[in-house]
PDB file of all heavy atoms in Angstrom:
ATOM      1  N   GLU A   1      -2.965 -14.719  -3.584  1.00  0.00           N
ATOM      2  CA  GLU A   1      -2.223 -14.941  -2.340  1.00  0.00           C
ATOM      3  C   GLU A   1      -2.886 -14.163  -1.201  1.00  0.00           C
ATOM      4  O   GLU A   1      -3.195 -12.979  -1.345  1.00  0.00           O
ATOM      5  CB  GLU A   1      -0.772 -14.489  -2.504  1.00  0.00           C
ATOM      6  CG  GLU A   1       0.074 -14.714  -1.272  1.00  0.00           C
ATOM      7  CD  GLU A   1       1.489 -14.187  -1.407  1.00  0.00           C
ATOM      8  OE1 GLU A   1       1.773 -13.515  -2.418  1.00  0.00           O
ATOM      9  OE2 GLU A   1       2.304 -14.426  -0.499  1.00  0.00           O
ATOM     10  N   HIS A   2      -3.083 -14.818  -0.061  1.00  0.00           N
ATOM     11  CA  HIS A   2      -3.699 -14.171   1.099  1.00  0.00           C
ATOM     12  C   HIS A   2      -2.619 -13.966   2.157  1.00  0.00           C
ATOM     13  O   HIS A   2      -2.051 -14.932   2.677  1.00  0.00           O
ATOM     14  CB  HIS A   2      -4.832 -15.044   1.650  1.00  0.00           C
ATOM     15  CG  HIS A   2      -5.730 -14.324   2.595  1.00  0.00           C
ATOM     16  ND1 HIS A   2      -6.767 -14.932   3.269  1.00  0.00           N
ATOM     17  CD2 HIS A   2      -5.750 -13.023   2.990  1.00  0.00           C
ATOM     18  CE1 HIS A   2      -7.378 -14.045   4.021  1.00  0.00           C
ATOM     19  NE2 HIS A   2      -6.784 -12.883   3.874  1.00  0.00           N
ATOM     20  N   ILE A   3      -2.339 -12.713   2.499  1.00  0.00           N
ATOM     21  CA  ILE A   3      -1.239 -12.361   3.391  1.00  0.00           C
ATOM     22  C   ILE A   3      -1.805 -11.854   4.704  1.00  0.00           C
ATOM     23  O   ILE A   3      -2.558 -10.875   4.725  1.00  0.00           O
ATOM     24  CB  ILE A   3      -0.338 -11.288   2.758  1.00  0.00           C
ATOM     25  CG1 ILE A   3       0.164 -11.772   1.398  1.00  0.00           C
ATOM     26  CG2 ILE A   3       0.823 -10.945   3.677  1.00  0.00           C
ATOM     27  CD1 ILE A   3       0.894 -10.706   0.610  1.00  0.00           C
ATOM     28  N   PRO A   4      -1.453 -12.485   5.849  1.00  0.00           N
ATOM     29  CA  PRO A   4      -1.963 -12.020   7.144  1.00  0.00           C
ATOM     30  C   PRO A   4      -1.094 -10.911   7.736  1.00  0.00           C
ATOM     31  O   PRO A   4       0.134 -10.919   7.577  1.00  0.00           O
ATOM     32  CB  PRO A   4      -1.887 -13.285   8.008  1.00  0.00           C
ATOM     33  CG  PRO A   4      -0.718 -14.048   7.446  1.00  0.00           C
ATOM     34  CD  PRO A   4      -0.700 -13.744   5.967  1.00  0.00           C
ATOM     35  N   ALA A   5      -1.721  -9.970   8.412  1.00  0.00           N
ATOM     36  CA  ALA A   5      -0.993  -8.920   9.123  1.00  0.00           C
ATOM     37  C   ALA A   5      -0.718  -9.395  10.545  1.00  0.00           C
ATOM     38  O   ALA A   5      -1.608  -9.923  11.201  1.00  0.00           O
ATOM     39  CB  ALA A   5      -1.808  -7.631   9.147  1.00  0.00           C
ATOM     40  N   TYR A   6       0.520  -9.182  11.018  1.00  0.00           N
ATOM     41  CA  TYR A   6       0.881  -9.654  12.357  1.00  0.00           C
ATOM     42  C   TYR A   6       1.074  -8.514  13.355  1.00  0.00           C
ATOM     43  O   TYR A   6       1.579  -8.736  14.446  1.00  0.00           O
ATOM     44  CB  TYR A   6       2.152 -10.506  12.279  1.00  0.00           C
ATOM     45  CG  TYR A   6       1.856 -11.918  11.824  1.00  0.00           C
ATOM     46  CD1 TYR A   6       1.966 -12.274  10.494  1.00  0.00           C
ATOM     47  CD2 TYR A   6       1.427 -12.883  12.724  1.00  0.00           C
ATOM     48  CE1 TYR A   6       1.670 -13.552  10.070  1.00  0.00           C
ATOM     49  CE2 TYR A   6       1.128 -14.167  12.316  1.00  0.00           C
ATOM     50  CZ  TYR A   6       1.251 -14.493  10.988  1.00  0.00           C
ATOM     51  OH  TYR A   6       0.955 -15.771  10.570  1.00  0.00           O
ATOM     52  N   SER A   7       0.689  -7.325  12.987  1.00  0.00           N
ATOM     53  CA  SER A   7       0.742  -6.223  13.956  1.00  0.00           C
ATOM     54  C   SER A   7      -0.175  -5.107  13.485  1.00  0.00           C
ATOM     55  O   SER A   7      -0.427  -4.959  12.283  1.00  0.00           O
ATOM     56  CB  SER A   7       2.168  -5.682  14.082  1.00  0.00           C
ATOM     57  OG  SER A   7       2.526  -4.951  12.925  1.00  0.00           O
ATOM     58  N   PRO A   8      -0.691  -4.302  14.409  1.00  0.00           N
ATOM     59  CA  PRO A   8      -1.498  -3.151  13.999  1.00  0.00           C
ATOM     60  C   PRO A   8      -0.705  -2.207  13.104  1.00  0.00           C
ATOM     61  O   PRO A   8      -1.253  -1.585  12.202  1.00  0.00           O
ATOM     62  CB  PRO A   8      -1.870  -2.490  15.332  1.00  0.00           C
ATOM     63  CG  PRO A   8      -1.747  -3.578  16.349  1.00  0.00           C
ATOM     64  CD  PRO A   8      -0.615  -4.443  15.869  1.00  0.00           C
ATOM     65  N   GLU A   9       0.618  -2.101  13.361  1.00  0.00           N
ATOM     66  CA  GLU A   9       1.455  -1.224  12.554  1.00  0.00           C
ATOM     67  C   GLU A   9       1.509  -1.700  11.112  1.00  0.00           C
ATOM     68  O   GLU A   9       1.521  -0.906  10.169  1.00  0.00           O
ATOM     69  CB  GLU A   9       2.873  -1.158  13.124  1.00  0.00           C
ATOM     70  CG  GLU A   9       2.978  -0.471  14.476  1.00  0.00           C
ATOM     71  CD  GLU A   9       2.559  -1.378  15.630  1.00  0.00           C
ATOM     72  OE1 GLU A   9       2.305  -2.577  15.387  1.00  0.00           O
ATOM     73  OE2 GLU A   9       2.484  -0.885  16.769  1.00  0.00           O
ATOM     74  N   ALA A  10       1.530  -3.026  10.932  1.00  0.00           N
ATOM     75  CA  ALA A  10       1.593  -3.578   9.577  1.00  0.00           C
ATOM     76  C   ALA A  10       0.329  -3.245   8.810  1.00  0.00           C
ATOM     77  O   ALA A  10       0.369  -2.836   7.652  1.00  0.00           O
ATOM     78  CB  ALA A  10       1.799  -5.096   9.631  1.00  0.00           C
ATOM     79  N   ARG A  11      -0.837  -3.400   9.484  1.00  0.00           N
ATOM     80  CA  ARG A  11      -2.087  -3.072   8.811  1.00  0.00           C
ATOM     81  C   ARG A  11      -2.197  -1.579   8.575  1.00  0.00           C
ATOM     82  O   ARG A  11      -2.821  -1.139   7.624  1.00  0.00           O
ATOM     83  CB  ARG A  11      -3.272  -3.570   9.640  1.00  0.00           C
ATOM     84  CG  ARG A  11      -3.432  -5.072   9.580  1.00  0.00           C
ATOM     85  CD  ARG A  11      -4.666  -5.515  10.306  1.00  0.00           C
ATOM     86  NE  ARG A  11      -4.507  -5.458  11.747  1.00  0.00           N
ATOM     87  CZ  ARG A  11      -5.330  -4.835  12.570  1.00  0.00           C
ATOM     88  NH1 ARG A  11      -6.373  -4.203  12.096  1.00  0.00           N
ATOM     89  NH2 ARG A  11      -5.123  -4.842  13.867  1.00  0.00           N
ATOM     90  N   GLY A  12      -1.578  -0.784   9.456  1.00  0.00           N
ATOM     91  CA  GLY A  12      -1.624   0.661   9.294  1.00  0.00           C
ATOM     92  C   GLY A  12      -0.779   1.177   8.162  1.00  0.00           C
ATOM     93  O   GLY A  12      -0.816   2.352   7.836  1.00  0.00           O
ATOM     94  N   ARG A  13      -0.014   0.299   7.522  1.00  0.00           N
ATOM     95  CA  ARG A  13       0.823   0.686   6.395  1.00  0.00           C
ATOM     96  C   ARG A  13       0.017   1.358   5.287  1.00  0.00           C
ATOM     97  O   ARG A  13       0.484   2.242   4.606  1.00  0.00           O
ATOM     98  CB  ARG A  13       1.535  -0.562   5.846  1.00  0.00           C
ATOM     99  CG  ARG A  13       2.074  -0.445   4.424  1.00  0.00           C
ATOM    100  CD  ARG A  13       3.177   0.601   4.346  1.00  0.00           C
ATOM    101  NE  ARG A  13       3.601   0.768   2.967  1.00  0.00           N
ATOM    102  CZ  ARG A  13       2.976   1.534   2.098  1.00  0.00           C
ATOM    103  NH1 ARG A  13       1.880   2.192   2.462  1.00  0.00           N
ATOM    104  NH2 ARG A  13       3.424   1.669   0.875  1.00  0.00           N
ATOM    105  N   ARG A  14      -1.233   0.949   5.141  1.00  0.00           N
ATOM    106  CA  ARG A  14      -2.028   1.478   4.040  1.00  0.00           C
ATOM    107  C   ARG A  14      -2.547   2.870   4.332  1.00  0.00           C
ATOM    108  O   ARG A  14      -3.062   3.542   3.464  1.00  0.00           O
ATOM    109  CB  ARG A  14      -3.208   0.559   3.744  1.00  0.00           C
ATOM    110  CG  ARG A  14      -4.221   0.516   4.867  1.00  0.00           C
ATOM    111  CD  ARG A  14      -5.222  -0.606   4.663  1.00  0.00           C
ATOM    112  NE  ARG A  14      -6.254  -0.609   5.665  1.00  0.00           N
ATOM    113  CZ  ARG A  14      -6.070  -1.011   6.918  1.00  0.00           C
ATOM    114  NH1 ARG A  14      -4.891  -1.438   7.290  1.00  0.00           N
ATOM    115  NH2 ARG A  14      -7.053  -0.993   7.784  1.00  0.00           N
ATOM    116  N   GLY A  15      -2.453   3.319   5.593  1.00  0.00           N
ATOM    117  CA  GLY A  15      -3.019   4.606   5.955  1.00  0.00           C
ATOM    118  C   GLY A  15      -2.109   5.758   5.577  1.00  0.00           C
ATOM    119  O   GLY A  15      -0.959   5.599   5.181  1.00  0.00           O
ATOM    120  N   GLY A  16      -2.610   6.952   5.747  1.00  0.00           N
ATOM    121  CA  GLY A  16      -1.814   8.136   5.485  1.00  0.00           C
ATOM    122  C   GLY A  16      -1.832   8.523   4.013  1.00  0.00           C
ATOM    123  O   GLY A  16      -2.065   7.712   3.140  1.00  0.00           O
ATOM    124  N   ARG A  17      -1.545   9.776   3.766  1.00  0.00           N
ATOM    125  CA  ARG A  17      -1.515  10.254   2.388  1.00  0.00           C
ATOM    126  C   ARG A  17      -0.113  10.074   1.858  1.00  0.00           C
ATOM    127  O   ARG A  17       0.845  10.619   2.382  1.00  0.00           O
ATOM    128  CB  ARG A  17      -1.942  11.722   2.324  1.00  0.00           C
ATOM    129  CG  ARG A  17      -3.370  11.944   2.765  1.00  0.00           C
ATOM    130  CD  ARG A  17      -3.741  13.403   2.620  1.00  0.00           C
ATOM    131  NE  ARG A  17      -3.608  13.871   1.256  1.00  0.00           N
ATOM    132  CZ  ARG A  17      -4.538  13.721   0.327  1.00  0.00           C
ATOM    133  NH1 ARG A  17      -5.644  13.075   0.612  1.00  0.00           N
ATOM    134  NH2 ARG A  17      -4.369  14.181  -0.891  1.00  0.00           N
ATOM    135  N   GLN A  18       0.008   9.332   0.792  1.00  0.00           N
ATOM    136  CA  GLN A  18       1.299   9.079   0.192  1.00  0.00           C
ATOM    137  C   GLN A  18       1.200   9.341  -1.297  1.00  0.00           C
ATOM    138  O   GLN A  18       0.118   9.370  -1.879  1.00  0.00           O
ATOM    139  CB  GLN A  18       1.753   7.639   0.444  1.00  0.00           C
ATOM    140  CG  GLN A  18       1.865   7.346   1.932  1.00  0.00           C
ATOM    141  CD  GLN A  18       2.427   5.979   2.164  1.00  0.00           C
ATOM    142  OE1 GLN A  18       3.026   5.392   1.292  1.00  0.00           O
ATOM    143  NE2 GLN A  18       2.252   5.470   3.356  1.00  0.00           N
ATOM    144  N   LYS A  19       2.347   9.474  -1.916  1.00  0.00           N
ATOM    145  CA  LYS A  19       2.368   9.776  -3.340  1.00  0.00           C
ATOM    146  C   LYS A  19       1.793   8.618  -4.127  1.00  0.00           C
ATOM    147  O   LYS A  19       2.294   7.506  -4.039  1.00  0.00           O
ATOM    148  CB  LYS A  19       3.806  10.040  -3.778  1.00  0.00           C
ATOM    149  CG  LYS A  19       3.913  10.433  -5.250  1.00  0.00           C
ATOM    150  CD  LYS A  19       5.347  10.701  -5.617  1.00  0.00           C
ATOM    151  CE  LYS A  19       5.459  11.066  -7.109  1.00  0.00           C
ATOM    152  NZ  LYS A  19       6.864  11.313  -7.496  1.00  0.00           N
ATOM    153  N   PRO A  20       0.739   8.826  -4.915  1.00  0.00           N
ATOM    154  CA  PRO A  20       0.155   7.725  -5.681  1.00  0.00           C
ATOM    155  C   PRO A  20       1.044   7.346  -6.848  1.00  0.00           C
ATOM    156  O   PRO A  20       1.944   8.089  -7.235  1.00  0.00           O
ATOM    157  CB  PRO A  20      -1.177   8.307  -6.168  1.00  0.00           C
ATOM    158  CG  PRO A  20      -0.913   9.779  -6.255  1.00  0.00           C
ATOM    159  CD  PRO A  20       0.025  10.105  -5.130  1.00  0.00           C
ATOM    160  N   ALA A  21       0.778   6.178  -7.415  1.00  0.00           N
ATOM    161  CA  ALA A  21       1.540   5.743  -8.575  1.00  0.00           C
ATOM    162  C   ALA A  21       1.296   6.690  -9.731  1.00  0.00           C
ATOM    163  O   ALA A  21       0.224   7.271  -9.885  1.00  0.00           O
ATOM    164  CB  ALA A  21       1.129   4.325  -8.964  1.00  0.00           C
ATOM    165  N   ASP A  22       2.298   6.891 -10.568  1.00  0.00           N
ATOM    166  CA  ASP A  22       2.226   7.801 -11.694  1.00  0.00           C
ATOM    167  C   ASP A  22       1.310   7.224 -12.768  1.00  0.00           C
ATOM    168  O   ASP A  22       1.617   6.178 -13.351  1.00  0.00           O
ATOM    169  CB  ASP A  22       3.635   7.999 -12.254  1.00  0.00           C
ATOM    170  CG  ASP A  22       3.653   8.985 -13.414  1.00  0.00           C
ATOM    171  OD1 ASP A  22       2.579   9.525 -13.749  1.00  0.00           O
ATOM    172  OD2 ASP A  22       4.739   9.201 -13.981  1.00  0.00           O
ATOM    173  N   PRO A  23       0.192   7.850 -13.077  1.00  0.00           N
ATOM    174  CA  PRO A  23      -0.729   7.289 -14.072  1.00  0.00           C
ATOM    175  C   PRO A  23      -0.126   7.236 -15.463  1.00  0.00           C
ATOM    176  O   PRO A  23      -0.587   6.513 -16.319  1.00  0.00           O
ATOM    177  CB  PRO A  23      -1.944   8.228 -14.013  1.00  0.00           C
ATOM    178  CG  PRO A  23      -1.416   9.498 -13.459  1.00  0.00           C
ATOM    179  CD  PRO A  23      -0.321   9.110 -12.512  1.00  0.00           C
ATOM    180  N   GLY A  24       0.932   8.025 -15.715  1.00  0.00           N
ATOM    181  CA  GLY A  24       1.564   8.001 -17.022  1.00  0.00           C
ATOM    182  C   GLY A  24       2.619   6.934 -17.168  1.00  0.00           C
ATOM    183  O   GLY A  24       3.150   6.717 -18.257  1.00  0.00           O
ATOM    184  N   ARG A  25       2.942   6.274 -16.069  1.00  0.00           N
ATOM    185  CA  ARG A  25       3.976   5.245 -16.113  1.00  0.00           C
ATOM    186  C   ARG A  25       3.375   3.927 -16.568  1.00  0.00           C
ATOM    187  O   ARG A  25       2.360   3.490 -16.049  1.00  0.00           O
ATOM    188  CB  ARG A  25       4.580   5.085 -14.714  1.00  0.00           C
ATOM    189  CG  ARG A  25       5.587   3.961 -14.594  1.00  0.00           C
ATOM    190  CD  ARG A  25       6.272   4.095 -13.250  1.00  0.00           C
ATOM    191  NE  ARG A  25       7.000   2.873 -12.936  1.00  0.00           N
ATOM    192  CZ  ARG A  25       6.588   1.996 -12.041  1.00  0.00           C
ATOM    193  NH1 ARG A  25       5.464   2.195 -11.400  1.00  0.00           N
ATOM    194  NH2 ARG A  25       7.300   0.909 -11.779  1.00  0.00           N
ATOM    195  N   PRO A  26       3.970   3.255 -17.543  1.00  0.00           N
ATOM    196  CA  PRO A  26       3.405   1.986 -18.018  1.00  0.00           C
ATOM    197  C   PRO A  26       3.262   0.997 -16.884  1.00  0.00           C
ATOM    198  O   PRO A  26       4.162   0.816 -16.081  1.00  0.00           O
ATOM    199  CB  PRO A  26       4.445   1.498 -19.040  1.00  0.00           C
ATOM    200  CG  PRO A  26       5.157   2.742 -19.485  1.00  0.00           C
ATOM    201  CD  PRO A  26       5.181   3.634 -18.280  1.00  0.00           C
ATOM    202  N   GLY A  27       2.089   0.368 -16.820  1.00  0.00           N
ATOM    203  CA  GLY A  27       1.891  -0.681 -15.832  1.00  0.00           C
ATOM    204  C   GLY A  27       1.279  -0.222 -14.536  1.00  0.00           C
ATOM    205  O   GLY A  27       1.001  -1.023 -13.671  1.00  0.00           O
ATOM    206  N   THR A  28       1.058   1.102 -14.347  1.00  0.00           N
ATOM    207  CA  THR A  28       0.513   1.530 -13.072  1.00  0.00           C
ATOM    208  C   THR A  28      -1.005   1.463 -13.034  1.00  0.00           C
ATOM    209  O   THR A  28      -1.578   1.401 -11.966  1.00  0.00           O
ATOM    210  CB  THR A  28       0.940   2.984 -12.752  1.00  0.00           C
ATOM    211  OG1 THR A  28       0.542   3.830 -13.820  1.00  0.00           O
ATOM    212  CG2 THR A  28       2.446   3.056 -12.577  1.00  0.00           C
TER     213      THR A  28
END
């Protein structure tokens, strides 16, 4: 699926340091 971003804020969602997924959790 190809999802378009409709605002700079939407594309900026990926930025910043956030808590990564737990490597011990199944499926991550």
